[in-house]
């Protein structure tokens, strides 16, 4: 990214349940690994949502359907 343009934070949700957040500075590479435990029985399919905030472009949202086998 160009100088002054950076990711401020990333938040992770399971559907709309908040799981975690990581904050960054402009000097950090915006990479993170979240380790999750699979939900209990009966929750074999869910949506992971990630929100990230860019200091210039605002909030971006990504979704991924997850199926536990």
C-alpha atoms as a PDB file:
ATOM      1  CA  UNK A   1       0.000   0.000   0.000  1.00  0.00           C
ATOM      2  CA  UNK A   2       1.069   3.557  -0.501  1.00  0.00           C
ATOM      3  CA  UNK A   3       2.310   5.719   2.382  1.00  0.00           C
ATOM      4  CA  UNK A   4      -0.532   6.813   4.634  1.00  0.00           C
ATOM      5  CA  UNK A   5      -2.894   4.099   3.294  1.00  0.00           C
ATOM      6  CA  UNK A   6      -3.320   1.132   5.638  1.00  0.00           C
ATOM      7  CA  UNK A   7      -5.709  -1.356   7.258  1.00  0.00           C
ATOM      8  CA  UNK A   8      -6.650  -0.179  10.757  1.00  0.00           C
ATOM      9  CA  UNK A   9      -8.369  -3.325  12.032  1.00  0.00           C
ATOM     10  CA  UNK A  10      -9.930  -6.682  11.107  1.00  0.00           C
ATOM     11  CA  UNK A  11     -12.903  -8.185  12.961  1.00  0.00           C
ATOM     12  CA  UNK A  12     -14.170 -11.756  12.679  1.00  0.00           C
ATOM     13  CA  UNK A  13     -17.763 -12.914  13.228  1.00  0.00           C
ATOM     14  CA  UNK A  14     -19.594 -16.258  13.066  1.00  0.00           C
ATOM     15  CA  UNK A  15     -22.788 -15.071  11.403  1.00  0.00           C
ATOM     16  CA  UNK A  16     -23.384 -11.990  13.601  1.00  0.00           C
ATOM     17  CA  UNK A  17     -21.623 -13.278  16.721  1.00  0.00           C
ATOM     18  CA  UNK A  18     -18.426 -11.339  17.413  1.00  0.00           C
ATOM     19  CA  UNK A  19     -15.346 -13.579  17.716  1.00  0.00           C
ATOM     20  CA  UNK A  20     -12.177 -11.488  17.532  1.00  0.00           C
ATOM     21  CA  UNK A  21     -10.504  -8.252  16.489  1.00  0.00           C
ATOM     22  CA  UNK A  22      -6.933  -7.341  15.549  1.00  0.00           C
ATOM     23  CA  UNK A  23      -5.721  -3.729  15.353  1.00  0.00           C
ATOM     24  CA  UNK A  24      -2.890  -2.605  13.084  1.00  0.00           C
ATOM     25  CA  UNK A  25      -0.722   0.473  12.649  1.00  0.00           C
ATOM     26  CA  UNK A  26       0.457   1.895   9.355  1.00  0.00           C
ATOM     27  CA  UNK A  27       3.821   0.206   9.956  1.00  0.00           C
ATOM     28  CA  UNK A  28       2.402  -3.335  10.258  1.00  0.00           C
ATOM     29  CA  UNK A  29       1.596  -5.811   7.512  1.00  0.00           C
ATOM     30  CA  UNK A  30      -2.187  -6.498   7.791  1.00  0.00           C
ATOM     31  CA  UNK A  31      -1.982 -10.284   8.057  1.00  0.00           C
ATOM     32  CA  UNK A  32      -3.507 -12.399  10.797  1.00  0.00           C
ATOM     33  CA  UNK A  33      -4.386 -16.057  11.400  1.00  0.00           C
ATOM     34  CA  UNK A  34      -7.457 -16.885  13.479  1.00  0.00           C
ATOM     35  CA  UNK A  35      -7.701 -20.399  14.944  1.00  0.00           C
ATOM     36  CA  UNK A  36     -11.301 -21.474  15.525  1.00  0.00           C
ATOM     37  CA  UNK A  37     -12.895 -24.476  17.181  1.00  0.00           C
ATOM     38  CA  UNK A  38     -15.719 -26.034  15.176  1.00  0.00           C
ATOM     39  CA  UNK A  39     -19.177 -25.316  16.652  1.00  0.00           C
ATOM     40  CA  UNK A  40     -21.086 -27.986  18.556  1.00  0.00           C
ATOM     41  CA  UNK A  41     -23.310 -30.575  16.880  1.00  0.00           C
ATOM     42  CA  UNK A  42     -26.229 -29.093  15.038  1.00  0.00           C
ATOM     43  CA  UNK A  43     -24.121 -26.173  13.848  1.00  0.00           C
ATOM     44  CA  UNK A  44     -22.471 -27.910  10.921  1.00  0.00           C
ATOM     45  CA  UNK A  45     -23.036 -24.995   8.534  1.00  0.00           C
ATOM     46  CA  UNK A  46     -22.435 -21.308   9.252  1.00  0.00           C
ATOM     47  CA  UNK A  47     -21.144 -18.077   7.749  1.00  0.00           C
ATOM     48  CA  UNK A  48     -17.819 -16.518   8.691  1.00  0.00           C
ATOM     49  CA  UNK A  49     -17.788 -12.746   8.250  1.00  0.00           C
ATOM     50  CA  UNK A  50     -14.710 -10.556   8.268  1.00  0.00           C
ATOM     51  CA  UNK A  51     -14.854  -6.775   8.436  1.00  0.00           C
ATOM     52  CA  UNK A  52     -11.798  -4.641   7.838  1.00  0.00           C
ATOM     53  CA  UNK A  53     -11.353  -0.906   7.978  1.00  0.00           C
ATOM     54  CA  UNK A  54      -9.089   0.955   5.585  1.00  0.00           C
ATOM     55  CA  UNK A  55      -8.170   4.437   6.789  1.00  0.00           C
ATOM     56  CA  UNK A  56      -8.941   5.913   3.330  1.00  0.00           C
ATOM     57  CA  UNK A  57     -11.648   3.672   1.825  1.00  0.00           C
ATOM     58  CA  UNK A  58     -13.714   2.770   4.898  1.00  0.00           C
ATOM     59  CA  UNK A  59     -15.135  -0.620   5.895  1.00  0.00           C
ATOM     60  CA  UNK A  60     -14.996  -3.693   3.662  1.00  0.00           C
ATOM     61  CA  UNK A  61     -16.918  -6.912   4.366  1.00  0.00           C
ATOM     62  CA  UNK A  62     -16.230 -10.478   3.256  1.00  0.00           C
ATOM     63  CA  UNK A  63     -18.361 -13.598   3.847  1.00  0.00           C
ATOM     64  CA  UNK A  64     -17.583 -17.294   3.503  1.00  0.00           C
ATOM     65  CA  UNK A  65     -20.011 -20.176   4.012  1.00  0.00           C
ATOM     66  CA  UNK A  66     -18.407 -22.949   6.095  1.00  0.00           C
ATOM     67  CA  UNK A  67     -19.585 -26.553   6.250  1.00  0.00           C
ATOM     68  CA  UNK A  68     -18.163 -28.841   8.961  1.00  0.00           C
ATOM     69  CA  UNK A  69     -17.981 -32.471   7.859  1.00  0.00           C
END
